[in-house]
Amino acid sequence: MPRRKKKQYDYDSYDDYEDEQSAMEAAQPEVAKVSLDDFVIKEKVSAFVRDYEPCDEFDAGAERFGDGELRTYFKAYVTGLGDPLQLYIEDLKFANFKMVTSLATQKPCIFARRKFN
């Protein structure tokens, strides 16, 4: 039975790189970077702005959107990268929806009423 030849490894392949670390980085496949913005769906903000308008707490038809309601509406649950709800609130702020403290509950919330088109 014939014997197999031993493989010869080319240990000089690291010579093309400055050091071993950069050689290892070059050998690893690129991994997609994930950020908190990847968890924010801009169409949800557009839908909210299209269907609601900012109002005061005691206006007729005012709905209160606290942290829990906003988190449920936008499905903005905390991830390992952070809290996407903050990004949704910032986007709503640009559409004139401001977070204020409710006089009734003493908690921060956004007051809005549904638009009737």
PDB file of N, CA and C in Angstrom:
ATOM      1  N   MET A   1       0.847  -1.170   0.000  1.00  0.00           N
ATOM      2  CA  MET A   1       0.000   0.000   0.000  1.00  0.00           C
ATOM      3  C   MET A   1       0.896   1.238   0.000  1.00  0.00           C
ATOM      4  N   PRO A   2       0.685   2.148  -0.963  1.00  0.00           N
ATOM      5  CA  PRO A   2       1.544   3.332  -1.039  1.00  0.00           C
ATOM      6  C   PRO A   2       1.258   4.310   0.097  1.00  0.00           C
ATOM      7  N   ARG A   3       2.283   4.962   0.507  1.00  0.00           N
ATOM      8  CA  ARG A   3       2.147   5.953   1.583  1.00  0.00           C
ATOM      9  C   ARG A   3       1.804   7.315   0.988  1.00  0.00           C
ATOM     10  N   ARG A   4       0.996   8.052   1.733  1.00  0.00           N
ATOM     11  CA  ARG A   4       0.645   9.402   1.313  1.00  0.00           C
ATOM     12  C   ARG A   4       1.792  10.355   1.615  1.00  0.00           C
ATOM     13  N   LYS A   5       1.879  11.357   0.775  1.00  0.00           N
ATOM     14  CA  LYS A   5       2.876  12.390   1.026  1.00  0.00           C
ATOM     15  C   LYS A   5       2.350  13.341   2.095  1.00  0.00           C
ATOM     16  N   LYS A   6       3.236  13.794   2.923  1.00  0.00           N
ATOM     17  CA  LYS A   6       2.845  14.792   3.919  1.00  0.00           C
ATOM     18  C   LYS A   6       2.640  16.128   3.231  1.00  0.00           C
ATOM     19  N   LYS A   7       1.621  16.841   3.666  1.00  0.00           N
ATOM     20  CA  LYS A   7       1.387  18.179   3.129  1.00  0.00           C
ATOM     21  C   LYS A   7       2.450  19.117   3.662  1.00  0.00           C
ATOM     22  N   GLN A   8       2.901  19.961   2.812  1.00  0.00           N
ATOM     23  CA  GLN A   8       3.845  20.976   3.257  1.00  0.00           C
ATOM     24  C   GLN A   8       3.081  22.283   3.377  1.00  0.00           C
ATOM     25  N   TYR A   9       3.191  22.883   4.529  1.00  0.00           N
ATOM     26  CA  TYR A   9       2.500  24.138   4.785  1.00  0.00           C
ATOM     27  C   TYR A   9       3.433  25.296   4.476  1.00  0.00           C
ATOM     28  N   ASP A  10       2.866  26.297   3.877  1.00  0.00           N
ATOM     29  CA  ASP A  10       3.649  27.477   3.521  1.00  0.00           C
ATOM     30  C   ASP A  10       3.547  28.482   4.660  1.00  0.00           C
ATOM     31  N   TYR A  11       4.515  28.426   5.537  1.00  0.00           N
ATOM     32  CA  TYR A  11       4.508  29.330   6.681  1.00  0.00           C
ATOM     33  C   TYR A  11       4.984  30.734   6.318  1.00  0.00           C
ATOM     34  N   ASP A  12       5.479  30.891   5.122  1.00  0.00           N
ATOM     35  CA  ASP A  12       5.946  32.206   4.696  1.00  0.00           C
ATOM     36  C   ASP A  12       4.815  33.071   4.151  1.00  0.00           C
ATOM     37  N   SER A  13       3.574  32.573   4.162  1.00  0.00           N
ATOM     38  CA  SER A  13       2.464  33.351   3.615  1.00  0.00           C
ATOM     39  C   SER A  13       2.176  34.602   4.433  1.00  0.00           C
ATOM     40  N   TYR A  14       2.630  34.651   5.678  1.00  0.00           N
ATOM     41  CA  TYR A  14       2.438  35.846   6.494  1.00  0.00           C
ATOM     42  C   TYR A  14       3.377  36.981   6.088  1.00  0.00           C
ATOM     43  N   ASP A  15       4.370  36.699   5.258  1.00  0.00           N
ATOM     44  CA  ASP A  15       5.337  37.724   4.867  1.00  0.00           C
ATOM     45  C   ASP A  15       4.693  38.868   4.095  1.00  0.00           C
ATOM     46  N   ASP A  16       3.544  38.613   3.460  1.00  0.00           N
ATOM     47  CA  ASP A  16       2.879  39.662   2.695  1.00  0.00           C
ATOM     48  C   ASP A  16       2.206  40.692   3.599  1.00  0.00           C
ATOM     49  N   TYR A  17       2.060  40.417   4.854  1.00  0.00           N
ATOM     50  CA  TYR A  17       1.376  41.290   5.789  1.00  0.00           C
ATOM     51  C   TYR A  17       2.373  41.850   6.801  1.00  0.00           C
ATOM     52  N   GLU A  18       1.984  42.964   7.410  1.00  0.00           N
ATOM     53  CA  GLU A  18       2.869  43.602   8.381  1.00  0.00           C
ATOM     54  C   GLU A  18       3.035  42.758   9.632  1.00  0.00           C
ATOM     55  N   ASP A  19       1.960  42.155  10.068  1.00  0.00           N
ATOM     56  CA  ASP A  19       2.040  41.308  11.258  1.00  0.00           C
ATOM     57  C   ASP A  19       0.988  40.214  11.177  1.00  0.00           C
ATOM     58  N   GLU A  20       1.002  39.353  12.141  1.00  0.00           N
ATOM     59  CA  GLU A  20       0.090  38.216  12.142  1.00  0.00           C
ATOM     60  C   GLU A  20      -1.367  38.654  12.273  1.00  0.00           C
ATOM     61  N   GLN A  21      -1.619  39.724  13.059  1.00  0.00           N
ATOM     62  CA  GLN A  21      -2.992  40.201  13.281  1.00  0.00           C
ATOM     63  C   GLN A  21      -3.624  40.665  11.963  1.00  0.00           C
ATOM     64  N   SER A  22      -2.892  41.439  11.170  1.00  0.00           N
ATOM     65  CA  SER A  22      -3.463  41.906   9.906  1.00  0.00           C
ATOM     66  C   SER A  22      -3.660  40.746   8.932  1.00  0.00           C
ATOM     67  N   ALA A  23      -2.833  39.723   9.012  1.00  0.00           N
ATOM     68  CA  ALA A  23      -3.008  38.544   8.169  1.00  0.00           C
ATOM     69  C   ALA A  23      -4.282  37.805   8.555  1.00  0.00           C
ATOM     70  N   MET A  24      -4.552  37.714   9.850  1.00  0.00           N
ATOM     71  CA  MET A  24      -5.769  37.036  10.305  1.00  0.00           C
ATOM     72  C   MET A  24      -7.007  37.833   9.921  1.00  0.00           C
ATOM     73  N   GLU A  25      -6.931  39.155  10.009  1.00  0.00           N
ATOM     74  CA  GLU A  25      -8.069  39.997   9.627  1.00  0.00           C
ATOM     75  C   GLU A  25      -8.371  39.848   8.144  1.00  0.00           C
ATOM     76  N   ALA A  26      -7.340  39.749   7.327  1.00  0.00           N
ATOM     77  CA  ALA A  26      -7.528  39.600   5.886  1.00  0.00           C
ATOM     78  C   ALA A  26      -8.148  38.247   5.549  1.00  0.00           C
ATOM     79  N   ALA A  27      -7.881  37.237   6.364  1.00  0.00           N
ATOM     80  CA  ALA A  27      -8.391  35.895   6.096  1.00  0.00           C
ATOM     81  C   ALA A  27      -9.856  35.740   6.492  1.00  0.00           C
ATOM     82  N   GLN A  28     -10.353  36.599   7.394  1.00  0.00           N
ATOM     83  CA  GLN A  28     -11.737  36.482   7.860  1.00  0.00           C
ATOM     84  C   GLN A  28     -12.678  37.148   6.865  1.00  0.00           C
ATOM     85  N   PRO A  29     -13.837  36.533   6.625  1.00  0.00           N
ATOM     86  CA  PRO A  29     -14.806  37.158   5.716  1.00  0.00           C
ATOM     87  C   PRO A  29     -15.404  38.402   6.366  1.00  0.00           C
ATOM     88  N   GLU A  30     -15.814  39.348   5.525  1.00  0.00           N
ATOM     89  CA  GLU A  30     -16.406  40.577   6.050  1.00  0.00           C
ATOM     90  C   GLU A  30     -17.770  40.276   6.633  1.00  0.00           C
ATOM     91  N   VAL A  31     -18.032  40.855   7.790  1.00  0.00           N
ATOM     92  CA  VAL A  31     -19.300  40.664   8.474  1.00  0.00           C
ATOM     93  C   VAL A  31     -20.084  41.964   8.373  1.00  0.00           C
ATOM     94  N   ALA A  32     -21.349  41.865   8.065  1.00  0.00           N
ATOM     95  CA  ALA A  32     -22.182  43.055   7.951  1.00  0.00           C
ATOM     96  C   ALA A  32     -22.304  43.727   9.311  1.00  0.00           C
ATOM     97  N   LYS A  33     -22.142  45.021   9.325  1.00  0.00           N
ATOM     98  CA  LYS A  33     -22.268  45.788  10.563  1.00  0.00           C
ATOM     99  C   LYS A  33     -23.746  46.082  10.805  1.00  0.00           C
ATOM    100  N   VAL A  34     -24.194  45.845  12.015  1.00  0.00           N
ATOM    101  CA  VAL A  34     -25.580  46.094  12.390  1.00  0.00           C
ATOM    102  C   VAL A  34     -25.587  47.268  13.354  1.00  0.00           C
ATOM    103  N   SER A  35     -26.501  48.201  13.116  1.00  0.00           N
ATOM    104  CA  SER A  35     -26.618  49.350  14.008  1.00  0.00           C
ATOM    105  C   SER A  35     -28.058  49.454  14.497  1.00  0.00           C
ATOM    106  N   LEU A  36     -28.268  50.343  15.429  1.00  0.00           N
ATOM    107  CA  LEU A  36     -29.602  50.540  15.993  1.00  0.00           C
ATOM    108  C   LEU A  36     -30.565  51.061  14.932  1.00  0.00           C
ATOM    109  N   ASP A  37     -30.054  51.798  13.944  1.00  0.00           N
ATOM    110  CA  ASP A  37     -30.907  52.310  12.863  1.00  0.00           C
ATOM    111  C   ASP A  37     -31.541  51.189  12.057  1.00  0.00           C
ATOM    112  N   ASP A  38     -30.922  50.018  12.056  1.00  0.00           N
ATOM    113  CA  ASP A  38     -31.481  48.883  11.325  1.00  0.00           C
ATOM    114  C   ASP A  38     -32.781  48.377  11.952  1.00  0.00           C
ATOM    115  N   PHE A  39     -33.041  48.755  13.190  1.00  0.00           N
ATOM    116  CA  PHE A  39     -34.260  48.329  13.878  1.00  0.00           C
ATOM    117  C   PHE A  39     -35.381  49.362  13.766  1.00  0.00           C
ATOM    118  N   VAL A  40     -35.117  50.488  13.106  1.00  0.00           N
ATOM    119  CA  VAL A  40     -36.108  51.555  12.952  1.00  0.00           C
ATOM    120  C   VAL A  40     -36.668  51.488  11.534  1.00  0.00           C
ATOM    121  N   ILE A  41     -37.987  51.389  11.439  1.00  0.00           N
ATOM    122  CA  ILE A  41     -38.662  51.335  10.147  1.00  0.00           C
ATOM    123  C   ILE A  41     -39.313  52.688   9.922  1.00  0.00           C
ATOM    124  N   LYS A  42     -38.762  53.457   8.981  1.00  0.00           N
ATOM    125  CA  LYS A  42     -39.215  54.833   8.725  1.00  0.00           C
ATOM    126  C   LYS A  42     -40.671  54.876   8.252  1.00  0.00           C
ATOM    127  N   GLU A  43     -41.135  53.832   7.600  1.00  0.00           N
ATOM    128  CA  GLU A  43     -42.522  53.817   7.116  1.00  0.00           C
ATOM    129  C   GLU A  43     -43.508  53.830   8.273  1.00  0.00           C
ATOM    130  N   LYS A  44     -43.113  53.268   9.428  1.00  0.00           N
ATOM    131  CA  LYS A  44     -44.003  53.298  10.594  1.00  0.00           C
ATOM    132  C   LYS A  44     -44.173  54.721  11.093  1.00  0.00           C
ATOM    133  N   VAL A  45     -43.098  55.497  11.080  1.00  0.00           N
ATOM    134  CA  VAL A  45     -43.187  56.907  11.483  1.00  0.00           C
ATOM    135  C   VAL A  45     -44.052  57.660  10.485  1.00  0.00           C
ATOM    136  N   SER A  46     -43.856  57.406   9.208  1.00  0.00           N
ATOM    137  CA  SER A  46     -44.671  58.060   8.177  1.00  0.00           C
ATOM    138  C   SER A  46     -46.148  57.743   8.354  1.00  0.00           C
ATOM    139  N   ALA A  47     -46.458  56.496   8.674  1.00  0.00           N
ATOM    140  CA  ALA A  47     -47.855  56.106   8.889  1.00  0.00           C
ATOM    141  C   ALA A  47     -48.436  56.823  10.102  1.00  0.00           C
ATOM    142  N   PHE A  48     -47.664  56.938  11.178  1.00  0.00           N
ATOM    143  CA  PHE A  48     -48.129  57.621  12.381  1.00  0.00           C
ATOM    144  C   PHE A  48     -48.414  59.092  12.064  1.00  0.00           C
ATOM    145  N   VAL A  49     -47.488  59.744  11.365  1.00  0.00           N
ATOM    146  CA  VAL A  49     -47.643  61.162  11.022  1.00  0.00           C
ATOM    147  C   VAL A  49     -48.812  61.356  10.070  1.00  0.00           C
ATOM    148  N   ARG A  50     -49.027  60.412   9.168  1.00  0.00           N
ATOM    149  CA  ARG A  50     -50.146  60.497   8.230  1.00  0.00           C
ATOM    150  C   ARG A  50     -51.489  60.344   8.943  1.00  0.00           C
ATOM    151  N   ASP A  51     -51.551  59.488   9.982  1.00  0.00           N
ATOM    152  CA  ASP A  51     -52.820  59.182  10.637  1.00  0.00           C
ATOM    153  C   ASP A  51     -53.120  60.028  11.867  1.00  0.00           C
ATOM    154  N   TYR A  52     -52.100  60.657  12.463  1.00  0.00           N
ATOM    155  CA  TYR A  52     -52.281  61.445  13.686  1.00  0.00           C
ATOM    156  C   TYR A  52     -51.728  62.848  13.509  1.00  0.00           C
ATOM    157  N   GLU A  53     -52.264  63.774  14.306  1.00  0.00           N
ATOM    158  CA  GLU A  53     -51.739  65.129  14.352  1.00  0.00           C
ATOM    159  C   GLU A  53     -51.489  65.509  15.807  1.00  0.00           C
ATOM    160  N   PRO A  54     -50.474  66.343  16.052  1.00  0.00           N
ATOM    161  CA  PRO A  54     -50.174  66.739  17.430  1.00  0.00           C
ATOM    162  C   PRO A  54     -51.333  67.536  18.030  1.00  0.00           C
ATOM    163  N   CYS A  55     -51.533  67.399  19.332  1.00  0.00           N
ATOM    164  CA  CYS A  55     -52.574  68.154  20.015  1.00  0.00           C
ATOM    165  C   CYS A  55     -52.196  68.323  21.486  1.00  0.00           C
ATOM    166  N   ASP A  56     -53.017  69.069  22.205  1.00  0.00           N
ATOM    167  CA  ASP A  56     -52.811  69.244  23.643  1.00  0.00           C
ATOM    168  C   ASP A  56     -53.534  68.139  24.407  1.00  0.00           C
ATOM    169  N   GLU A  57     -53.178  68.022  25.671  1.00  0.00           N
ATOM    170  CA  GLU A  57     -53.716  66.946  26.503  1.00  0.00           C
ATOM    171  C   GLU A  57     -55.238  66.988  26.611  1.00  0.00           C
ATOM    172  N   PHE A  58     -55.800  68.169  26.704  1.00  0.00           N
ATOM    173  CA  PHE A  58     -57.236  68.273  26.963  1.00  0.00           C
ATOM    174  C   PHE A  58     -58.050  68.589  25.707  1.00  0.00           C
ATOM    175  N   ASP A  59     -57.448  68.453  24.520  1.00  0.00           N
ATOM    176  CA  ASP A  59     -58.192  68.634  23.278  1.00  0.00           C
ATOM    177  C   ASP A  59     -59.136  67.444  23.083  1.00  0.00           C
ATOM    178  N   ALA A  60     -60.246  67.706  22.395  1.00  0.00           N
ATOM    179  CA  ALA A  60     -61.207  66.632  22.121  1.00  0.00           C
ATOM    180  C   ALA A  60     -60.551  65.570  21.242  1.00  0.00           C
ATOM    181  N   GLY A  61     -60.708  64.318  21.611  1.00  0.00           N
ATOM    182  CA  GLY A  61     -60.169  63.202  20.839  1.00  0.00           C
ATOM    183  C   GLY A  61     -58.685  62.951  21.049  1.00  0.00           C
ATOM    184  N   ALA A  62     -58.093  63.585  22.033  1.00  0.00           N
ATOM    185  CA  ALA A  62     -56.659  63.402  22.274  1.00  0.00           C
ATOM    186  C   ALA A  62     -56.377  61.996  22.787  1.00  0.00           C
ATOM    187  N   GLU A  63     -55.385  61.375  22.206  1.00  0.00           N
ATOM    188  CA  GLU A  63     -54.933  60.060  22.669  1.00  0.00           C
ATOM    189  C   GLU A  63     -53.567  60.238  23.295  1.00  0.00           C
ATOM    190  N   ARG A  64     -53.334  59.488  24.358  1.00  0.00           N
ATOM    191  CA  ARG A  64     -52.058  59.580  25.075  1.00  0.00           C
ATOM    192  C   ARG A  64     -51.179  58.408  24.649  1.00  0.00           C
ATOM    193  N   PHE A  65     -49.968  58.726  24.181  1.00  0.00           N
ATOM    194  CA  PHE A  65     -48.995  57.704  23.792  1.00  0.00           C
ATOM    195  C   PHE A  65     -47.800  57.815  24.735  1.00  0.00           C
ATOM    196  N   GLY A  66     -47.811  56.986  25.773  1.00  0.00           N
ATOM    197  CA  GLY A  66     -46.678  56.920  26.689  1.00  0.00           C
ATOM    198  C   GLY A  66     -45.619  55.972  26.144  1.00  0.00           C
ATOM    199  N   ASP A  67     -44.612  55.712  26.949  1.00  0.00           N
ATOM    200  CA  ASP A  67     -43.539  54.807  26.511  1.00  0.00           C
ATOM    201  C   ASP A  67     -44.087  53.453  26.072  1.00  0.00           C
ATOM    202  N   GLY A  68     -44.963  52.894  26.873  1.00  0.00           N
ATOM    203  CA  GLY A  68     -45.509  51.563  26.567  1.00  0.00           C
ATOM    204  C   GLY A  68     -46.315  51.548  25.283  1.00  0.00           C
ATOM    205  N   GLU A  69     -47.164  52.557  25.097  1.00  0.00           N
ATOM    206  CA  GLU A  69     -47.983  52.618  23.883  1.00  0.00           C
ATOM    207  C   GLU A  69     -47.117  52.827  22.637  1.00  0.00           C
ATOM    208  N   LEU A  70     -46.128  53.712  22.743  1.00  0.00           N
ATOM    209  CA  LEU A  70     -45.238  53.944  21.602  1.00  0.00           C
ATOM    210  C   LEU A  70     -44.413  52.697  21.281  1.00  0.00           C
ATOM    211  N   ARG A  71     -43.938  52.039  22.330  1.00  0.00           N
ATOM    212  CA  ARG A  71     -43.137  50.829  22.132  1.00  0.00           C
ATOM    213  C   ARG A  71     -43.974  49.745  21.445  1.00  0.00           C
ATOM    214  N   THR A  72     -45.231  49.618  21.835  1.00  0.00           N
ATOM    215  CA  THR A  72     -46.124  48.635  21.222  1.00  0.00           C
ATOM    216  C   THR A  72     -46.485  49.034  19.793  1.00  0.00           C
ATOM    217  N   TYR A  73     -46.801  50.312  19.588  1.00  0.00           N
ATOM    218  CA  TYR A  73     -47.192  50.796  18.259  1.00  0.00           C
ATOM    219  C   TYR A  73     -46.076  50.564  17.243  1.00  0.00           C
ATOM    220  N   PHE A  74     -44.841  50.935  17.620  1.00  0.00           N
ATOM    221  CA  PHE A  74     -43.719  50.830  16.699  1.00  0.00           C
ATOM    222  C   PHE A  74     -42.969  49.499  16.790  1.00  0.00           C
ATOM    223  N   LYS A  75     -43.357  48.626  17.720  1.00  0.00           N
ATOM    224  CA  LYS A  75     -42.645  47.367  17.975  1.00  0.00           C
ATOM    225  C   LYS A  75     -41.163  47.670  18.237  1.00  0.00           C
ATOM    226  N   ALA A  76     -40.925  48.685  19.060  1.00  0.00           N
ATOM    227  CA  ALA A  76     -39.570  49.174  19.347  1.00  0.00           C
ATOM    228  C   ALA A  76     -39.099  48.614  20.677  1.00  0.00           C
ATOM    229  N   TYR A  77     -38.660  47.384  20.655  1.00  0.00           N
ATOM    230  CA  TYR A  77     -38.218  46.731  21.879  1.00  0.00           C
ATOM    231  C   TYR A  77     -36.695  46.850  22.020  1.00  0.00           C
ATOM    232  N   VAL A  78     -36.243  46.894  23.239  1.00  0.00           N
ATOM    233  CA  VAL A  78     -34.824  47.068  23.523  1.00  0.00           C
ATOM    234  C   VAL A  78     -34.020  45.896  22.963  1.00  0.00           C
ATOM    235  N   THR A  79     -32.904  46.214  22.314  1.00  0.00           N
ATOM    236  CA  THR A  79     -32.021  45.205  21.749  1.00  0.00           C
ATOM    237  C   THR A  79     -30.655  45.290  22.436  1.00  0.00           C
ATOM    238  N   GLY A  80     -29.768  44.424  22.064  1.00  0.00           N
ATOM    239  CA  GLY A  80     -28.415  44.470  22.597  1.00  0.00           C
ATOM    240  C   GLY A  80     -27.656  45.711  22.167  1.00  0.00           C
ATOM    241  N   LEU A  81     -28.138  46.360  21.107  1.00  0.00           N
ATOM    242  CA  LEU A  81     -27.494  47.582  20.610  1.00  0.00           C
ATOM    243  C   LEU A  81     -28.048  48.840  21.256  1.00  0.00           C
ATOM    244  N   GLY A  82     -29.170  48.721  21.948  1.00  0.00           N
ATOM    245  CA  GLY A  82     -29.778  49.890  22.584  1.00  0.00           C
ATOM    246  C   GLY A  82     -31.285  49.882  22.423  1.00  0.00           C
ATOM    247  N   ASP A  83     -31.877  51.056  22.626  1.00  0.00           N
ATOM    248  CA  ASP A  83     -33.327  51.207  22.597  1.00  0.00           C
ATOM    249  C   ASP A  83     -33.748  51.966  21.342  1.00  0.00           C
ATOM    250  N   PRO A  84     -34.378  51.299  20.369  1.00  0.00           N
ATOM    251  CA  PRO A  84     -34.791  51.991  19.149  1.00  0.00           C
ATOM    252  C   PRO A  84     -35.923  52.985  19.369  1.00  0.00           C
ATOM    253  N   LEU A  85     -36.615  52.904  20.503  1.00  0.00           N
ATOM    254  CA  LEU A  85     -37.702  53.846  20.761  1.00  0.00           C
ATOM    255  C   LEU A  85     -37.194  55.284  20.752  1.00  0.00           C
ATOM    256  N   GLN A  86     -35.991  55.502  21.227  1.00  0.00           N
ATOM    257  CA  GLN A  86     -35.420  56.846  21.237  1.00  0.00           C
ATOM    258  C   GLN A  86     -35.328  57.409  19.822  1.00  0.00           C
ATOM    259  N   LEU A  87     -34.968  56.570  18.861  1.00  0.00           N
ATOM    260  CA  LEU A  87     -34.883  57.024  17.474  1.00  0.00           C
ATOM    261  C   LEU A  87     -36.257  57.328  16.901  1.00  0.00           C
ATOM    262  N   TYR A  88     -37.265  56.528  17.275  1.00  0.00           N
ATOM    263  CA  TYR A  88     -38.633  56.820  16.838  1.00  0.00           C
ATOM    264  C   TYR A  88     -39.109  58.146  17.413  1.00  0.00           C
ATOM    265  N   ILE A  89     -38.822  58.399  18.677  1.00  0.00           N
ATOM    266  CA  ILE A  89     -39.245  59.648  19.314  1.00  0.00           C
ATOM    267  C   ILE A  89     -38.555  60.838  18.657  1.00  0.00           C
ATOM    268  N   GLU A  90     -37.283  60.687  18.299  1.00  0.00           N
ATOM    269  CA  GLU A  90     -36.578  61.764  17.598  1.00  0.00           C
ATOM    270  C   GLU A  90     -37.215  62.039  16.243  1.00  0.00           C
ATOM    271  N   ASP A  91     -37.597  60.995  15.513  1.00  0.00           N
ATOM    272  CA  ASP A  91     -38.251  61.177  14.220  1.00  0.00           C
ATOM    273  C   ASP A  91     -39.609  61.855  14.388  1.00  0.00           C
ATOM    274  N   LEU A  92     -40.348  61.488  15.427  1.00  0.00           N
ATOM    275  CA  LEU A  92     -41.642  62.129  15.682  1.00  0.00           C
ATOM    276  C   LEU A  92     -41.463  63.591  16.077  1.00  0.00           C
ATOM    277  N   LYS A  93     -40.376  63.889  16.753  1.00  0.00           N
ATOM    278  CA  LYS A  93     -40.098  65.267  17.158  1.00  0.00           C
ATOM    279  C   LYS A  93     -39.963  66.172  15.936  1.00  0.00           C
ATOM    280  N   PHE A  94     -39.362  65.661  14.865  1.00  0.00           N
ATOM    281  CA  PHE A  94     -39.227  66.440  13.636  1.00  0.00           C
ATOM    282  C   PHE A  94     -40.579  66.704  12.976  1.00  0.00           C
ATOM    283  N   ALA A  95     -41.579  65.896  13.295  1.00  0.00           N
ATOM    284  CA  ALA A  95     -42.930  66.075  12.764  1.00  0.00           C
ATOM    285  C   ALA A  95     -43.807  66.842  13.759  1.00  0.00           C
ATOM    286  N   ASN A  96     -43.185  67.541  14.710  1.00  0.00           N
ATOM    287  CA  ASN A  96     -43.872  68.396  15.715  1.00  0.00           C
ATOM    288  C   ASN A  96     -44.621  67.626  16.786  1.00  0.00           C
ATOM    289  N   PHE A  97     -44.338  66.345  16.956  1.00  0.00           N
ATOM    290  CA  PHE A  97     -44.895  65.597  18.076  1.00  0.00           C
ATOM    291  C   PHE A  97     -43.903  65.710  19.223  1.00  0.00           C
ATOM    292  N   LYS A  98     -44.304  66.395  20.264  1.00  0.00           N
ATOM    293  CA  LYS A  98     -43.393  66.640  21.376  1.00  0.00           C
ATOM    294  C   LYS A  98     -43.794  65.809  22.589  1.00  0.00           C
ATOM    295  N   MET A  99     -42.799  65.283  23.269  1.00  0.00           N
ATOM    296  CA  MET A  99     -43.056  64.532  24.493  1.00  0.00           C
ATOM    297  C   MET A  99     -43.200  65.540  25.627  1.00  0.00           C
ATOM    298  N   VAL A 100     -44.322  65.466  26.333  1.00  0.00           N
ATOM    299  CA  VAL A 100     -44.594  66.356  27.465  1.00  0.00           C
ATOM    300  C   VAL A 100     -45.037  65.507  28.650  1.00  0.00           C
ATOM    301  N   THR A 101     -45.049  66.118  29.821  1.00  0.00           N
ATOM    302  CA  THR A 101     -45.514  65.418  31.014  1.00  0.00           C
ATOM    303  C   THR A 101     -47.023  65.602  31.130  1.00  0.00           C
ATOM    304  N   SER A 102     -47.726  64.508  31.230  1.00  0.00           N
ATOM    305  CA  SER A 102     -49.174  64.550  31.366  1.00  0.00           C
ATOM    306  C   SER A 102     -49.555  65.088  32.738  1.00  0.00           C
ATOM    307  N   LEU A 103     -50.530  65.967  32.771  1.00  0.00           N
ATOM    308  CA  LEU A 103     -51.005  66.487  34.050  1.00  0.00           C
ATOM    309  C   LEU A 103     -51.768  65.408  34.821  1.00  0.00           C
ATOM    310  N   ALA A 104     -52.416  64.515  34.111  1.00  0.00           N
ATOM    311  CA  ALA A 104     -53.220  63.476  34.758  1.00  0.00           C
ATOM    312  C   ALA A 104     -52.359  62.357  35.340  1.00  0.00           C
ATOM    313  N   THR A 105     -51.343  61.911  34.595  1.00  0.00           N
ATOM    314  CA  THR A 105     -50.554  60.755  35.039  1.00  0.00           C
ATOM    315  C   THR A 105     -49.176  61.122  35.585  1.00  0.00           C
ATOM    316  N   GLN A 106     -48.750  62.350  35.331  1.00  0.00           N
ATOM    317  CA  GLN A 106     -47.413  62.812  35.731  1.00  0.00           C
ATOM    318  C   GLN A 106     -46.309  61.979  35.092  1.00  0.00           C
ATOM    319  N   LYS A 107     -46.569  61.472  33.889  1.00  0.00           N
ATOM    320  CA  LYS A 107     -45.586  60.689  33.153  1.00  0.00           C
ATOM    321  C   LYS A 107     -45.407  61.301  31.761  1.00  0.00           C
ATOM    322  N   PRO A 108     -44.205  61.157  31.184  1.00  0.00           N
ATOM    323  CA  PRO A 108     -43.982  61.709  29.844  1.00  0.00           C
ATOM    324  C   PRO A 108     -44.765  60.929  28.783  1.00  0.00           C
ATOM    325  N   CYS A 109     -45.335  61.679  27.846  1.00  0.00           N
ATOM    326  CA  CYS A 109     -46.089  61.063  26.764  1.00  0.00           C
ATOM    327  C   CYS A 109     -46.253  62.051  25.611  1.00  0.00           C
ATOM    328  N   ILE A 110     -46.744  61.539  24.518  1.00  0.00           N
ATOM    329  CA  ILE A 110     -47.062  62.344  23.342  1.00  0.00           C
ATOM    330  C   ILE A 110     -48.574  62.330  23.192  1.00  0.00           C
ATOM    331  N   PHE A 111     -49.153  63.523  23.003  1.00  0.00           N
ATOM    332  CA  PHE A 111     -50.593  63.608  22.779  1.00  0.00           C
ATOM    333  C   PHE A 111     -50.851  63.833  21.299  1.00  0.00           C
ATOM    334  N   ALA A 112     -51.763  63.029  20.752  1.00  0.00           N
ATOM    335  CA  ALA A 112     -52.099  63.122  19.342  1.00  0.00           C
ATOM    336  C   ALA A 112     -53.561  62.752  19.158  1.00  0.00           C
ATOM    337  N   ARG A 113     -54.141  63.261  18.103  1.00  0.00           N
ATOM    338  CA  ARG A 113     -55.509  62.856  17.766  1.00  0.00           C
ATOM    339  C   ARG A 113     -55.510  62.396  16.327  1.00  0.00           C
ATOM    340  N   ARG A 114     -56.414  61.454  16.081  1.00  0.00           N
ATOM    341  CA  ARG A 114     -56.478  60.852  14.757  1.00  0.00           C
ATOM    342  C   ARG A 114     -57.017  61.868  13.761  1.00  0.00           C
ATOM    343  N   LYS A 115     -56.389  61.888  12.584  1.00  0.00           N
ATOM    344  CA  LYS A 115     -56.843  62.773  11.494  1.00  0.00           C
ATOM    345  C   LYS A 115     -58.021  62.102  10.799  1.00  0.00           C
ATOM    346  N   PHE A 116     -58.972  62.903  10.410  1.00  0.00           N
ATOM    347  CA  PHE A 116     -60.110  62.373   9.649  1.00  0.00           C
ATOM    348  C   PHE A 116     -60.048  63.006   8.262  1.00  0.00           C
ATOM    349  N   ASN A 117     -59.655  62.197   7.292  1.00  0.00           N
ATOM    350  CA  ASN A 117     -59.477  62.707   5.911  1.00  0.00           C
ATOM    351  C   ASN A 117     -60.738  62.558   5.129  1.00  0.00           C
TER     352      ASN A 117
END
